[in-house]
Amino acid sequence: MDGPRTVTMRPAIPVSLFAIPVGILGLAGAWNVGVRIWKLPSFVVAALEISGAVTWLTLVLLYAYKWYWHRTAALHEAQDPVNPRSYRWD
């Protein structure tokens, strides 16, 4: 039996995840055009806007957590956002 294992938590919030709420809000905008042109149900626009806003706010909070607790990883990501394997998680 081995000794106690240590578990290190890695911040898994890359800045590229902010594309998710942008896509949701873009879909809301496109659906809004569909409401005017094809008479699609308008409640979908409100649901998508709320979903996009909540997703964005959640990611902002998680990313702020990353910058506060894992500053080195966040700085590495700011220097090279394309190559996440070059990060050193402290």
Protein backbone atom coordinates (compact mmCIF):
# COMPACT_ATOMS: atom_id res chain seq x y z
CA MET A 1 0.00 0.00 0.00
CA ASP A 2 1.37 3.38 -1.00
CA GLY A 3 1.36 6.49 1.13
CA PRO A 4 -1.29 9.17 0.94
CA ARG A 5 -1.88 10.59 -2.50
CA THR A 6 -1.96 14.29 -3.07
CA VAL A 7 -4.44 15.74 -5.49
CA THR A 8 -3.71 19.00 -7.22
CA MET A 9 -6.60 20.96 -8.60
CA ARG A 10 -5.96 22.53 -11.98
CA PRO A 11 -7.91 25.52 -13.15
CA ALA A 12 -9.71 24.26 -16.24
CA ILE A 13 -11.07 27.61 -17.38
CA PRO A 14 -9.26 28.61 -20.56
CA VAL A 15 -10.18 31.99 -21.99
CA SER A 16 -11.47 30.26 -25.12
CA LEU A 17 -14.53 29.10 -23.17
CA PHE A 18 -15.86 32.64 -23.48
CA ALA A 19 -16.82 31.69 -27.04
CA ILE A 20 -19.71 29.66 -25.59
CA PRO A 21 -21.79 32.60 -24.30
CA VAL A 22 -20.89 34.60 -27.41
CA GLY A 23 -22.34 31.79 -29.53
CA ILE A 24 -25.46 31.52 -27.36
CA LEU A 25 -26.06 35.27 -27.58
CA GLY A 26 -25.41 35.18 -31.32
CA LEU A 27 -28.03 32.47 -31.65
CA ALA A 28 -30.43 34.66 -29.65
CA GLY A 29 -29.83 37.48 -32.12
CA ALA A 30 -30.42 35.21 -35.09
CA TRP A 31 -33.57 33.79 -33.49
CA ASN A 32 -34.78 37.36 -32.92
CA VAL A 33 -34.55 37.96 -36.67
CA GLY A 34 -36.49 34.73 -37.20
CA VAL A 35 -39.19 36.03 -34.87
CA ARG A 36 -39.69 39.06 -37.10
CA ILE A 37 -39.40 37.23 -40.44
CA TRP A 38 -40.95 33.80 -39.85
CA LYS A 39 -42.99 34.42 -36.69
CA LEU A 40 -40.94 32.03 -34.57
CA PRO A 41 -41.79 31.91 -30.84
CA SER A 42 -40.27 34.91 -29.09
CA PHE A 43 -39.85 33.27 -25.67
CA VAL A 44 -36.86 31.36 -27.09
CA VAL A 45 -35.01 34.67 -27.51
CA ALA A 46 -35.44 35.52 -23.83
CA ALA A 47 -34.39 32.02 -22.77
CA LEU A 48 -31.26 32.18 -24.93
CA GLU A 49 -30.37 35.66 -23.69
CA ILE A 50 -30.73 34.61 -20.05
CA SER A 51 -28.76 31.43 -20.70
CA GLY A 52 -25.98 33.36 -22.42
CA ALA A 53 -25.81 35.97 -19.67
CA VAL A 54 -25.72 33.36 -16.89
CA THR A 55 -23.05 31.39 -18.74
CA TRP A 56 -20.97 34.53 -19.27
CA LEU A 57 -21.28 35.58 -15.61
CA THR A 58 -20.31 32.09 -14.42
CA LEU A 59 -17.23 32.08 -16.64
CA VAL A 60 -16.24 35.56 -15.47
CA LEU A 61 -16.37 34.40 -11.85
CA LEU A 62 -14.44 31.22 -12.59
CA TYR A 63 -11.85 33.11 -14.60
CA ALA A 64 -11.45 35.67 -11.80
CA TYR A 65 -10.90 32.71 -9.46
CA LYS A 66 -8.21 31.44 -11.80
CA TRP A 67 -6.46 34.82 -11.85
CA TYR A 68 -6.60 35.09 -8.07
CA TRP A 69 -5.54 31.56 -7.11
CA HIS A 70 -3.53 30.44 -10.16
CA ARG A 71 -1.94 33.66 -11.39
CA THR A 72 1.05 31.93 -12.98
CA ALA A 73 -1.16 29.75 -15.16
CA ALA A 74 -3.27 32.75 -16.12
CA LEU A 75 -0.17 34.75 -17.05
CA HIS A 76 1.13 31.86 -19.16
CA GLU A 77 -2.22 31.68 -20.92
CA ALA A 78 -2.12 35.43 -21.55
CA GLN A 79 1.32 35.03 -23.14
CA ASP A 80 0.40 31.99 -25.27
CA PRO A 81 -3.37 31.28 -25.38
CA VAL A 82 -2.98 28.78 -28.24
CA ASN A 83 -0.64 26.30 -26.55
CA PRO A 84 -2.15 25.26 -23.20
CA ARG A 85 0.39 22.45 -22.77
CA SER A 86 3.09 24.99 -22.03
CA TYR A 87 1.37 25.99 -18.78
CA ARG A 88 2.91 25.29 -15.44
CA TRP A 89 0.15 24.85 -12.88
CA ASP A 90 1.15 26.23 -9.50
